[in-house]
Amino acid sequence: MNPSIINARPVIFGEVLFDCFADDSRVLGGAPFNVAWHCQAFGLQPLFISRIGKDPLGDEIQSAMLDWNMDISGLQLDTTHATGIVDVSFDNGEPSYNIVENSAWDFIDYQSIPAVDPHSVLYHGSLALRNPVTASSLVNLKQQCSKSIFIDVNLRPPWWNLPLIENIIHNGRWLKLNIDELALIVPDKKNIEERVDHLLSHLDIELIIVTQGKAGAIAARQNEWRSTQPDKTVNVIDTVGAGDAFSSVLLLGLHKAWSLEETLNRAQQFASAVVGQRGATTQDQKFYTPFIKAWHL
C-alpha cells in the first residue's frame, strides 16, 4: 500500500487468550494474537508482545507459538494473573464476548519488552488499553516506532470510552475499524462517507479501512476510495476473527508494497476463508497454501 515502508518485521502488541464456546470447545485467540499468527504463516516473522499466566493455558499458548515457529521473546510470564479467557456466544450469527478482567495481558510490562526495530510497523488494538499498566507500556513502546502505527479499533463494551479511542487514533498512520465502530466514534455524521471524510480531515491518518461484514470493505485516503466485496458463495461457520484475518493481510500488503486495490481484495479473500472455519486461527498450514501460492509469497 506504500512502497516507502521498510521491510522490518511487524511488532504486534496486545492480548492473547482463549475463546471459549458453548460446546466446551476453545480456540486460541485475541485479536493481536490472531493477526500475529496469520502474519507468521505468511512469512512476516512478527514480534508478538503480550503476557500470559504461569498456568496450563499459558503453557498451551507457548507450545502453540513454538510449534508455529513464532518468536516468543515478547511473551511475558505472569505469576500473579491468569492467562486470559473469553466466553463467546452468538446472537443471529454475530459473536458477543465476556472478556475476563485482570488477565495476564492486562499487565504487560514495558521493562520486559525486547528491543524493537524503529522501522517496524507497530500494530495494536484498543481492547488491551483497558488497563493502565498495559496502556502505559504501549505509550512507551510507541516512542520507539516513530509514526508507523497501525491501529485496529475493537470496541468491546464495557472496555472502551470515546475519549480513549479519540486519544489513540490521533497518533496512528493507518486505521481499521468496522462500520458499527465508525458510527460510534463519529456519531454526528449521517453516513460512512461523511464519517470517513471527517476523520481524514481532522486526523493525521494516511489510510482508513472500514469493514462491513457481508457488504465487504472500503479503504479511503485523501482523494482515493476503494471498495471490495466477498464472493457470494462464502460458507460462514462463524465470524470470530474475520476482522483480524483482514488486518493480517493489510499488514502483509504494507510489507510487500502492494497497491491499495490489490491489498484490499486479498484481505477480503482471506477473511472470507477464515469465516468458513470455527474460531479465528488454525494450526493447519495447508489452509494458507492457496494464498501463499497465489500471492507469490
C-alpha atoms as a PDB file:
ATOM      1  CA  MET A   1       0.000   0.000   0.000  1.00  0.00           C
ATOM      2  CA  ASN A   2       3.010   2.244   0.407  1.00  0.00           C
ATOM      3  CA  PRO A   3       6.334   1.422  -1.270  1.00  0.00           C
ATOM      4  CA  SER A   4       8.237   3.578   1.232  1.00  0.00           C
ATOM      5  CA  ILE A   5       7.644   1.044   4.034  1.00  0.00           C
ATOM      6  CA  ILE A   6      10.906  -0.588   5.136  1.00  0.00           C
ATOM      7  CA  ASN A   7      10.690  -4.352   5.283  1.00  0.00           C
ATOM      8  CA  ALA A   8      11.274  -4.739   9.020  1.00  0.00           C
ATOM      9  CA  ARG A   9       9.147  -7.384  10.688  1.00  0.00           C
ATOM     10  CA  PRO A  10       5.937  -6.061  12.262  1.00  0.00           C
ATOM     11  CA  VAL A  11       5.600  -5.582  16.019  1.00  0.00           C
ATOM     12  CA  ILE A  12       2.197  -6.735  17.244  1.00  0.00           C
ATOM     13  CA  PHE A  13       1.093  -5.680  20.727  1.00  0.00           C
ATOM     14  CA  GLY A  14      -1.845  -6.767  22.851  1.00  0.00           C
ATOM     15  CA  GLU A  15      -3.956  -9.583  24.170  1.00  0.00           C
ATOM     16  CA  VAL A  16      -3.617 -13.329  23.769  1.00  0.00           C
ATOM     17  CA  LEU A  17      -6.375 -15.518  25.208  1.00  0.00           C
ATOM     18  CA  PHE A  18      -8.651 -18.463  24.620  1.00  0.00           C
ATOM     19  CA  ASP A  19     -12.079 -18.019  23.020  1.00  0.00           C
ATOM     20  CA  CYS A  20     -14.340 -20.470  24.854  1.00  0.00           C
ATOM     21  CA  PHE A  21     -17.526 -21.633  23.100  1.00  0.00           C
ATOM     22  CA  ALA A  22     -20.809 -23.018  24.424  1.00  0.00           C
ATOM     23  CA  ASP A  23     -19.976 -26.551  23.240  1.00  0.00           C
ATOM     24  CA  ASP A  24     -16.936 -26.559  25.583  1.00  0.00           C
ATOM     25  CA  SER A  25     -14.503 -26.169  22.706  1.00  0.00           C
ATOM     26  CA  ARG A  26     -11.865 -23.462  22.902  1.00  0.00           C
ATOM     27  CA  VAL A  27      -9.741 -21.738  20.302  1.00  0.00           C
ATOM     28  CA  LEU A  28      -6.594 -19.762  20.843  1.00  0.00           C
ATOM     29  CA  GLY A  29      -7.214 -16.116  20.019  1.00  0.00           C
ATOM     30  CA  GLY A  30      -7.179 -12.468  20.946  1.00  0.00           C
ATOM     31  CA  ALA A  31      -7.202 -10.002  18.054  1.00  0.00           C
ATOM     32  CA  PRO A  32      -3.477  -9.101  18.097  1.00  0.00           C
ATOM     33  CA  PHE A  33      -2.516 -12.743  18.552  1.00  0.00           C
ATOM     34  CA  ASN A  34      -4.703 -13.761  15.610  1.00  0.00           C
ATOM     35  CA  VAL A  35      -3.038 -11.136  13.445  1.00  0.00           C
ATOM     36  CA  ALA A  36       0.421 -12.288  14.543  1.00  0.00           C
ATOM     37  CA  TRP A  37      -0.492 -15.925  13.881  1.00  0.00           C
ATOM     38  CA  HIS A  38      -1.551 -15.202  10.320  1.00  0.00           C
ATOM     39  CA  CYS A  39       1.444 -12.928   9.729  1.00  0.00           C
ATOM     40  CA  GLN A  40       3.714 -15.775  10.790  1.00  0.00           C
ATOM     41  CA  ALA A  41       2.024 -18.123   8.325  1.00  0.00           C
ATOM     42  CA  PHE A  42       2.608 -15.543   5.589  1.00  0.00           C
ATOM     43  CA  GLY A  43       6.319 -15.332   6.416  1.00  0.00           C
ATOM     44  CA  LEU A  44       6.476 -11.959   8.178  1.00  0.00           C
ATOM     45  CA  GLN A  45       8.025 -13.347  11.403  1.00  0.00           C
ATOM     46  CA  PRO A  46       6.295 -10.818  13.691  1.00  0.00           C
ATOM     47  CA  LEU A  47       7.440  -9.869  17.167  1.00  0.00           C
ATOM     48  CA  PHE A  48       4.344 -10.519  19.272  1.00  0.00           C
ATOM     49  CA  ILE A  49       4.278  -8.690  22.611  1.00  0.00           C
ATOM     50  CA  SER A  50       1.857  -9.935  25.255  1.00  0.00           C
ATOM     51  CA  ARG A  51       1.651 -11.585  28.674  1.00  0.00           C
ATOM     52  CA  ILE A  52       0.366 -14.981  29.827  1.00  0.00           C
ATOM     53  CA  GLY A  53      -0.129 -16.634  33.184  1.00  0.00           C
ATOM     54  CA  LYS A  54       2.222 -19.262  34.524  1.00  0.00           C
ATOM     55  CA  ASP A  55      -0.528 -21.867  34.199  1.00  0.00           C
ATOM     56  CA  PRO A  56      -1.649 -24.702  31.887  1.00  0.00           C
ATOM     57  CA  LEU A  57      -3.346 -22.342  29.405  1.00  0.00           C
ATOM     58  CA  GLY A  58      -0.195 -20.231  29.299  1.00  0.00           C
ATOM     59  CA  ASP A  59       1.853 -23.360  28.630  1.00  0.00           C
ATOM     60  CA  GLU A  60      -0.535 -24.203  25.804  1.00  0.00           C
ATOM     61  CA  ILE A  61      -0.008 -20.781  24.242  1.00  0.00           C
ATOM     62  CA  GLN A  62       3.764 -21.075  24.422  1.00  0.00           C
ATOM     63  CA  SER A  63       3.667 -24.539  22.882  1.00  0.00           C
ATOM     64  CA  ALA A  64       1.363 -23.407  20.081  1.00  0.00           C
ATOM     65  CA  MET A  65       3.619 -20.466  19.252  1.00  0.00           C
ATOM     66  CA  LEU A  66       6.739 -22.614  19.249  1.00  0.00           C
ATOM     67  CA  ASP A  67       5.052 -25.235  17.055  1.00  0.00           C
ATOM     68  CA  TRP A  68       4.130 -22.402  14.655  1.00  0.00           C
ATOM     69  CA  ASN A  69       7.790 -21.226  14.712  1.00  0.00           C
ATOM     70  CA  MET A  70       6.805 -17.916  16.282  1.00  0.00           C
ATOM     71  CA  ASP A  71       9.259 -15.792  18.241  1.00  0.00           C
ATOM     72  CA  ILE A  72       8.276 -15.944  21.936  1.00  0.00           C
ATOM     73  CA  SER A  73      10.814 -13.364  23.151  1.00  0.00           C
ATOM     74  CA  GLY A  74       7.993 -10.818  23.526  1.00  0.00           C
ATOM     75  CA  LEU A  75       5.780 -13.197  25.522  1.00  0.00           C
ATOM     76  CA  GLN A  76       5.927 -12.364  29.239  1.00  0.00           C
ATOM     77  CA  LEU A  77       5.144 -14.786  32.107  1.00  0.00           C
ATOM     78  CA  ASP A  78       2.957 -13.593  34.982  1.00  0.00           C
ATOM     79  CA  THR A  79       2.952 -15.486  38.280  1.00  0.00           C
ATOM     80  CA  THR A  80       0.050 -13.439  39.700  1.00  0.00           C
ATOM     81  CA  HIS A  81      -2.540 -13.141  36.941  1.00  0.00           C
ATOM     82  CA  ALA A  82      -4.073 -15.953  34.914  1.00  0.00           C
ATOM     83  CA  THR A  83      -3.944 -16.429  31.166  1.00  0.00           C
ATOM     84  CA  GLY A  84      -6.857 -14.633  29.520  1.00  0.00           C
ATOM     85  CA  ILE A  85     -10.123 -16.288  28.536  1.00  0.00           C
ATOM     86  CA  VAL A  86     -13.242 -15.042  26.756  1.00  0.00           C
ATOM     87  CA  ASP A  87     -16.671 -16.661  26.768  1.00  0.00           C
ATOM     88  CA  VAL A  88     -18.080 -16.381  23.224  1.00  0.00           C
ATOM     89  CA  SER A  89     -21.808 -16.567  22.460  1.00  0.00           C
ATOM     90  CA  PHE A  90     -23.792 -15.844  19.307  1.00  0.00           C
ATOM     91  CA  ASP A  91     -26.929 -13.830  18.566  1.00  0.00           C
ATOM     92  CA  ASN A  92     -28.195 -14.198  14.991  1.00  0.00           C
ATOM     93  CA  GLY A  93     -24.741 -15.274  13.914  1.00  0.00           C
ATOM     94  CA  GLU A  94     -22.962 -12.294  15.454  1.00  0.00           C
ATOM     95  CA  PRO A  95     -20.498 -13.003  18.281  1.00  0.00           C
ATOM     96  CA  SER A  96     -20.607 -11.394  21.715  1.00  0.00           C
ATOM     97  CA  TYR A  97     -17.807 -11.633  24.250  1.00  0.00           C
ATOM     98  CA  ASN A  98     -17.406 -11.854  28.015  1.00  0.00           C
ATOM     99  CA  ILE A  99     -13.769 -10.818  28.431  1.00  0.00           C
ATOM    100  CA  VAL A 100     -12.427 -11.797  31.844  1.00  0.00           C
ATOM    101  CA  GLU A 101     -10.906  -8.827  33.656  1.00  0.00           C
ATOM    102  CA  ASN A 102      -7.420  -8.625  35.209  1.00  0.00           C
ATOM    103  CA  SER A 103      -5.937 -11.269  32.950  1.00  0.00           C
ATOM    104  CA  ALA A 104      -2.195 -11.516  32.416  1.00  0.00           C
ATOM    105  CA  TRP A 105      -2.351  -9.468  29.196  1.00  0.00           C
ATOM    106  CA  ASP A 106      -3.752  -6.538  31.216  1.00  0.00           C
ATOM    107  CA  PHE A 107      -0.331  -6.249  32.866  1.00  0.00           C
ATOM    108  CA  ILE A 108       2.201  -6.148  30.015  1.00  0.00           C
ATOM    109  CA  ASP A 109       5.425  -4.785  31.495  1.00  0.00           C
ATOM    110  CA  TYR A 110       7.328  -2.279  29.372  1.00  0.00           C
ATOM    111  CA  GLN A 111      10.634  -3.108  31.078  1.00  0.00           C
ATOM    112  CA  SER A 112      10.318  -6.698  29.845  1.00  0.00           C
ATOM    113  CA  ILE A 113       9.718  -5.825  26.197  1.00  0.00           C
ATOM    114  CA  PRO A 114      12.681  -6.719  23.941  1.00  0.00           C
ATOM    115  CA  ALA A 115      14.263  -4.061  21.743  1.00  0.00           C
ATOM    116  CA  VAL A 116      12.308  -3.370  18.559  1.00  0.00           C
ATOM    117  CA  ASP A 117      13.409  -2.193  15.139  1.00  0.00           C
ATOM    118  CA  PRO A 118      12.439   1.517  14.903  1.00  0.00           C
ATOM    119  CA  HIS A 119      11.452   0.928  11.266  1.00  0.00           C
ATOM    120  CA  SER A 120       8.853  -1.687  12.196  1.00  0.00           C
ATOM    121  CA  VAL A 121       5.143  -1.173  11.773  1.00  0.00           C
ATOM    122  CA  LEU A 122       3.566  -1.306  15.238  1.00  0.00           C
ATOM    123  CA  TYR A 123       0.122  -2.912  15.231  1.00  0.00           C
ATOM    124  CA  HIS A 124      -2.205  -2.607  18.216  1.00  0.00           C
ATOM    125  CA  GLY A 125      -5.901  -2.638  19.040  1.00  0.00           C
ATOM    126  CA  SER A 126      -7.902  -0.765  21.648  1.00  0.00           C
ATOM    127  CA  LEU A 127      -9.031  -3.557  23.987  1.00  0.00           C
ATOM    128  CA  ALA A 128      -5.606  -4.043  25.604  1.00  0.00           C
ATOM    129  CA  LEU A 129      -5.688  -0.423  26.748  1.00  0.00           C
ATOM    130  CA  ARG A 130      -8.449  -1.104  29.282  1.00  0.00           C
ATOM    131  CA  ASN A 131      -5.807  -1.499  32.000  1.00  0.00           C
ATOM    132  CA  PRO A 132      -3.414   1.401  32.759  1.00  0.00           C
ATOM    133  CA  VAL A 133      -0.411  -0.939  33.101  1.00  0.00           C
ATOM    134  CA  THR A 134      -0.624  -2.253  29.553  1.00  0.00           C
ATOM    135  CA  ALA A 135      -1.735   1.157  28.251  1.00  0.00           C
ATOM    136  CA  SER A 136       1.371   2.782  29.743  1.00  0.00           C
ATOM    137  CA  SER A 137       3.610   0.116  28.220  1.00  0.00           C
ATOM    138  CA  LEU A 138       2.144   0.826  24.788  1.00  0.00           C
ATOM    139  CA  VAL A 139       2.773   4.557  25.163  1.00  0.00           C
ATOM    140  CA  ASN A 140       6.438   3.847  25.852  1.00  0.00           C
ATOM    141  CA  LEU A 141       6.667   1.339  23.007  1.00  0.00           C
ATOM    142  CA  LYS A 142       5.197   3.821  20.526  1.00  0.00           C
ATOM    143  CA  GLN A 143       8.122   6.151  21.148  1.00  0.00           C
ATOM    144  CA  GLN A 144      10.388   3.544  19.555  1.00  0.00           C
ATOM    145  CA  CYS A 145       8.292   3.107  16.412  1.00  0.00           C
ATOM    146  CA  SER A 146       8.026   6.721  15.203  1.00  0.00           C
ATOM    147  CA  LYS A 147       4.835   7.226  13.180  1.00  0.00           C
ATOM    148  CA  SER A 148       4.462   3.754  11.634  1.00  0.00           C
ATOM    149  CA  ILE A 149       1.483   2.741  13.762  1.00  0.00           C
ATOM    150  CA  PHE A 150      -1.440   0.609  12.595  1.00  0.00           C
ATOM    151  CA  ILE A 151      -4.476   0.938  14.869  1.00  0.00           C
ATOM    152  CA  ASP A 152      -7.175  -1.721  14.736  1.00  0.00           C
ATOM    153  CA  VAL A 153     -10.165  -0.479  16.710  1.00  0.00           C
ATOM    154  CA  ASN A 154     -12.044  -3.229  18.574  1.00  0.00           C
ATOM    155  CA  LEU A 155     -14.786  -1.783  20.758  1.00  0.00           C
ATOM    156  CA  ARG A 156     -15.822  -4.322  23.376  1.00  0.00           C
ATOM    157  CA  PRO A 157     -18.312  -2.998  25.971  1.00  0.00           C
ATOM    158  CA  PRO A 158     -17.688  -2.003  28.680  1.00  0.00           C
ATOM    159  CA  TRP A 159     -13.950  -1.737  27.930  1.00  0.00           C
ATOM    160  CA  TRP A 160     -13.879   1.482  25.950  1.00  0.00           C
ATOM    161  CA  ASN A 161     -14.916   5.119  26.002  1.00  0.00           C
ATOM    162  CA  LEU A 162     -14.847   7.819  23.362  1.00  0.00           C
ATOM    163  CA  PRO A 163     -12.017   9.922  24.890  1.00  0.00           C
ATOM    164  CA  LEU A 164      -9.800   6.803  24.997  1.00  0.00           C
ATOM    165  CA  ILE A 165     -10.437   6.000  21.340  1.00  0.00           C
ATOM    166  CA  GLU A 166     -10.043   9.606  20.227  1.00  0.00           C
ATOM    167  CA  ASN A 167      -6.711   9.750  22.034  1.00  0.00           C
ATOM    168  CA  ILE A 168      -5.209   6.624  20.474  1.00  0.00           C
ATOM    169  CA  ILE A 169      -6.302   7.291  16.892  1.00  0.00           C
ATOM    170  CA  HIS A 170      -4.560  10.660  16.890  1.00  0.00           C
ATOM    171  CA  ASN A 171      -1.121   9.095  16.637  1.00  0.00           C
ATOM    172  CA  GLY A 172      -1.794   6.399  14.063  1.00  0.00           C
ATOM    173  CA  ARG A 173      -0.798   6.238  10.424  1.00  0.00           C
ATOM    174  CA  TRP A 174      -3.318   3.579   9.401  1.00  0.00           C
ATOM    175  CA  LEU A 175      -6.716   2.997  10.995  1.00  0.00           C
ATOM    176  CA  LYS A 176      -9.020  -0.012  10.627  1.00  0.00           C
ATOM    177  CA  LEU A 177     -12.470  -0.374  12.145  1.00  0.00           C
ATOM    178  CA  ASN A 178     -15.858  -1.808  11.269  1.00  0.00           C
ATOM    179  CA  ILE A 179     -18.897   0.161  10.161  1.00  0.00           C
ATOM    180  CA  ASP A 180     -20.576   0.000  13.585  1.00  0.00           C
ATOM    181  CA  GLU A 181     -17.430   1.208  15.345  1.00  0.00           C
ATOM    182  CA  LEU A 182     -17.147   4.060  12.859  1.00  0.00           C
ATOM    183  CA  ALA A 183     -20.690   5.170  13.721  1.00  0.00           C
ATOM    184  CA  LEU A 184     -19.897   5.073  17.451  1.00  0.00           C
ATOM    185  CA  ILE A 185     -16.708   7.101  17.038  1.00  0.00           C
ATOM    186  CA  VAL A 186     -18.218   9.694  14.672  1.00  0.00           C
ATOM    187  CA  PRO A 187     -21.884   9.754  15.765  1.00  0.00           C
ATOM    188  CA  ASP A 188     -22.716  13.234  14.492  1.00  0.00           C
ATOM    189  CA  LYS A 189     -22.293  12.358  10.796  1.00  0.00           C
ATOM    190  CA  LYS A 190     -25.026  10.580   8.882  1.00  0.00           C
ATOM    191  CA  ASN A 191     -23.242   8.062   6.624  1.00  0.00           C
ATOM    192  CA  ILE A 192     -19.995   6.218   6.084  1.00  0.00           C
ATOM    193  CA  GLU A 193     -18.624   8.708   3.569  1.00  0.00           C
ATOM    194  CA  GLU A 194     -19.143  11.718   5.854  1.00  0.00           C
ATOM    195  CA  ARG A 195     -17.690   9.874   8.828  1.00  0.00           C
ATOM    196  CA  VAL A 196     -14.565   8.780   6.986  1.00  0.00           C
ATOM    197  CA  ASP A 197     -14.078  12.242   5.470  1.00  0.00           C
ATOM    198  CA  HIS A 198     -14.396  13.740   8.943  1.00  0.00           C
ATOM    199  CA  LEU A 199     -11.631  11.503  10.312  1.00  0.00           C
ATOM    200  CA  LEU A 200      -9.351  12.102   7.326  1.00  0.00           C
ATOM    201  CA  SER A 201      -9.752  15.859   7.616  1.00  0.00           C
ATOM    202  CA  HIS A 202      -9.291  16.018  11.395  1.00  0.00           C
ATOM    203  CA  LEU A 203      -6.553  13.432  11.927  1.00  0.00           C
ATOM    204  CA  ASP A 204      -3.083  12.930  10.523  1.00  0.00           C
ATOM    205  CA  ILE A 205      -4.056   9.490   9.205  1.00  0.00           C
ATOM    206  CA  GLU A 206      -2.849   8.202   5.872  1.00  0.00           C
ATOM    207  CA  LEU A 207      -5.439   5.490   5.301  1.00  0.00           C
ATOM    208  CA  ILE A 208      -8.745   4.363   6.839  1.00  0.00           C
ATOM    209  CA  ILE A 209     -10.175   0.884   6.246  1.00  0.00           C
ATOM    210  CA  VAL A 210     -13.801   0.169   7.151  1.00  0.00           C
ATOM    211  CA  THR A 211     -15.072  -3.419   7.138  1.00  0.00           C
ATOM    212  CA  GLN A 212     -18.782  -4.008   6.571  1.00  0.00           C
ATOM    213  CA  GLY A 213     -19.326  -7.731   7.057  1.00  0.00           C
ATOM    214  CA  LYS A 214     -21.249  -9.237   4.147  1.00  0.00           C
ATOM    215  CA  ALA A 215     -21.050  -5.894   2.329  1.00  0.00           C
ATOM    216  CA  GLY A 216     -17.269  -6.102   2.099  1.00  0.00           C
ATOM    217  CA  ALA A 217     -14.938  -3.241   2.932  1.00  0.00           C
ATOM    218  CA  ILE A 218     -13.820   0.189   1.833  1.00  0.00           C
ATOM    219  CA  ALA A 219     -10.444   1.898   2.074  1.00  0.00           C
ATOM    220  CA  ALA A 220     -10.052   5.650   1.873  1.00  0.00           C
ATOM    221  CA  ARG A 221      -7.256   8.180   1.815  1.00  0.00           C
ATOM    222  CA  GLN A 222      -7.114  11.717   0.552  1.00  0.00           C
ATOM    223  CA  ASN A 223      -8.668  11.749  -2.950  1.00  0.00           C
ATOM    224  CA  GLU A 224      -8.891   7.945  -3.246  1.00  0.00           C
ATOM    225  CA  TRP A 225     -11.635   5.468  -2.322  1.00  0.00           C
ATOM    226  CA  ARG A 226     -11.530   1.732  -2.978  1.00  0.00           C
ATOM    227  CA  SER A 227     -14.034  -0.997  -2.181  1.00  0.00           C
ATOM    228  CA  THR A 228     -14.214  -4.781  -2.235  1.00  0.00           C
ATOM    229  CA  GLN A 229     -16.956  -7.354  -1.725  1.00  0.00           C
ATOM    230  CA  PRO A 230     -16.858 -11.009  -0.666  1.00  0.00           C
ATOM    231  CA  ASP A 231     -17.793 -13.809  -3.022  1.00  0.00           C
ATOM    232  CA  LYS A 232     -21.496 -14.583  -2.628  1.00  0.00           C
ATOM    233  CA  THR A 233     -20.724 -18.301  -2.279  1.00  0.00           C
ATOM    234  CA  VAL A 234     -18.820 -17.873   1.003  1.00  0.00           C
ATOM    235  CA  ASN A 235     -19.764 -20.547   3.560  1.00  0.00           C
ATOM    236  CA  VAL A 236     -19.939 -18.933   7.002  1.00  0.00           C
ATOM    237  CA  ILE A 237     -19.265 -21.138  10.043  1.00  0.00           C
ATOM    238  CA  ASP A 238     -18.608 -18.218  12.397  1.00  0.00           C
ATOM    239  CA  THR A 239     -17.298 -14.690  12.065  1.00  0.00           C
ATOM    240  CA  VAL A 240     -14.857 -14.770  15.001  1.00  0.00           C
ATOM    241  CA  GLY A 241     -11.524 -13.398  13.830  1.00  0.00           C
ATOM    242  CA  ALA A 242     -12.660 -12.274  10.375  1.00  0.00           C
ATOM    243  CA  GLY A 243     -11.501  -8.722  11.023  1.00  0.00           C
ATOM    244  CA  ASP A 244      -8.170  -9.976  12.359  1.00  0.00           C
ATOM    245  CA  ALA A 245      -7.639 -12.040   9.220  1.00  0.00           C
ATOM    246  CA  PHE A 246      -8.370  -8.918   7.196  1.00  0.00           C
ATOM    247  CA  SER A 247      -5.838  -6.918   9.229  1.00  0.00           C
ATOM    248  CA  SER A 248      -3.092  -9.501   8.775  1.00  0.00           C
ATOM    249  CA  VAL A 249      -3.276  -9.128   5.009  1.00  0.00           C
ATOM    250  CA  LEU A 250      -3.318  -5.340   5.307  1.00  0.00           C
ATOM    251  CA  LEU A 251       0.000  -5.625   7.163  1.00  0.00           C
ATOM    252  CA  LEU A 252       1.241  -8.035   4.511  1.00  0.00           C
ATOM    253  CA  GLY A 253       0.291  -5.527   1.819  1.00  0.00           C
ATOM    254  CA  LEU A 254       2.289  -2.816   3.579  1.00  0.00           C
ATOM    255  CA  HIS A 255       5.263  -5.129   3.858  1.00  0.00           C
ATOM    256  CA  LYS A 256       5.096  -6.178   0.205  1.00  0.00           C
ATOM    257  CA  ALA A 257       4.204  -2.698  -1.106  1.00  0.00           C
ATOM    258  CA  TRP A 258       1.093  -3.987  -2.861  1.00  0.00           C
ATOM    259  CA  SER A 259      -1.305  -1.477  -4.363  1.00  0.00           C
ATOM    260  CA  LEU A 260      -4.268  -0.438  -2.248  1.00  0.00           C
ATOM    261  CA  GLU A 261      -6.738  -2.215  -4.534  1.00  0.00           C
ATOM    262  CA  GLU A 262      -4.706  -5.422  -4.536  1.00  0.00           C
ATOM    263  CA  THR A 263      -4.283  -5.363  -0.756  1.00  0.00           C
ATOM    264  CA  LEU A 264      -7.972  -4.741  -0.136  1.00  0.00           C
ATOM    265  CA  ASN A 265      -9.112  -7.541  -2.448  1.00  0.00           C
ATOM    266  CA  ARG A 266      -6.657 -10.030  -0.970  1.00  0.00           C
ATOM    267  CA  ALA A 267      -7.612  -9.095   2.581  1.00  0.00           C
ATOM    268  CA  GLN A 268     -11.244  -9.762   1.700  1.00  0.00           C
ATOM    269  CA  GLN A 269     -10.373 -13.117   0.120  1.00  0.00           C
ATOM    270  CA  PHE A 270      -8.518 -14.284   3.203  1.00  0.00           C
ATOM    271  CA  ALA A 271     -11.186 -13.055   5.645  1.00  0.00           C
ATOM    272  CA  SER A 272     -13.806 -14.911   3.610  1.00  0.00           C
ATOM    273  CA  ALA A 273     -11.801 -18.119   4.027  1.00  0.00           C
ATOM    274  CA  VAL A 274     -11.434 -17.655   7.792  1.00  0.00           C
ATOM    275  CA  VAL A 275     -15.198 -17.358   8.387  1.00  0.00           C
ATOM    276  CA  GLY A 276     -15.517 -20.845   6.894  1.00  0.00           C
ATOM    277  CA  GLN A 277     -13.843 -22.398   9.956  1.00  0.00           C
ATOM    278  CA  ARG A 278     -14.578 -22.454  13.692  1.00  0.00           C
ATOM    279  CA  GLY A 279     -12.660 -19.744  15.529  1.00  0.00           C
ATOM    280  CA  ALA A 280     -10.064 -17.267  14.406  1.00  0.00           C
ATOM    281  CA  THR A 281      -6.953 -19.412  13.907  1.00  0.00           C
ATOM    282  CA  THR A 282      -5.966 -22.813  12.569  1.00  0.00           C
ATOM    283  CA  GLN A 283      -2.860 -24.913  13.088  1.00  0.00           C
ATOM    284  CA  ASP A 284      -3.192 -26.358   9.596  1.00  0.00           C
ATOM    285  CA  GLN A 285      -0.509 -24.768   7.423  1.00  0.00           C
ATOM    286  CA  LYS A 286      -2.287 -26.099   4.336  1.00  0.00           C
ATOM    287  CA  PHE A 287      -5.054 -23.576   4.992  1.00  0.00           C
ATOM    288  CA  TYR A 288      -2.622 -20.840   3.943  1.00  0.00           C
ATOM    289  CA  THR A 289      -1.082 -22.626   0.965  1.00  0.00           C
ATOM    290  CA  PRO A 290      -3.516 -21.371  -1.721  1.00  0.00           C
ATOM    291  CA  PHE A 291      -2.898 -17.762  -0.689  1.00  0.00           C
ATOM    292  CA  ILE A 292       0.864 -18.183  -0.440  1.00  0.00           C
ATOM    293  CA  LYS A 293       0.944 -19.626  -3.947  1.00  0.00           C
ATOM    294  CA  ALA A 294      -1.494 -17.152  -5.488  1.00  0.00           C
ATOM    295  CA  TRP A 295       0.251 -14.158  -3.924  1.00  0.00           C
ATOM    296  CA  HIS A 296       3.776 -15.468  -4.667  1.00  0.00           C
ATOM    297  CA  LEU A 297       4.904 -15.233  -1.047  1.00  0.00           C
END
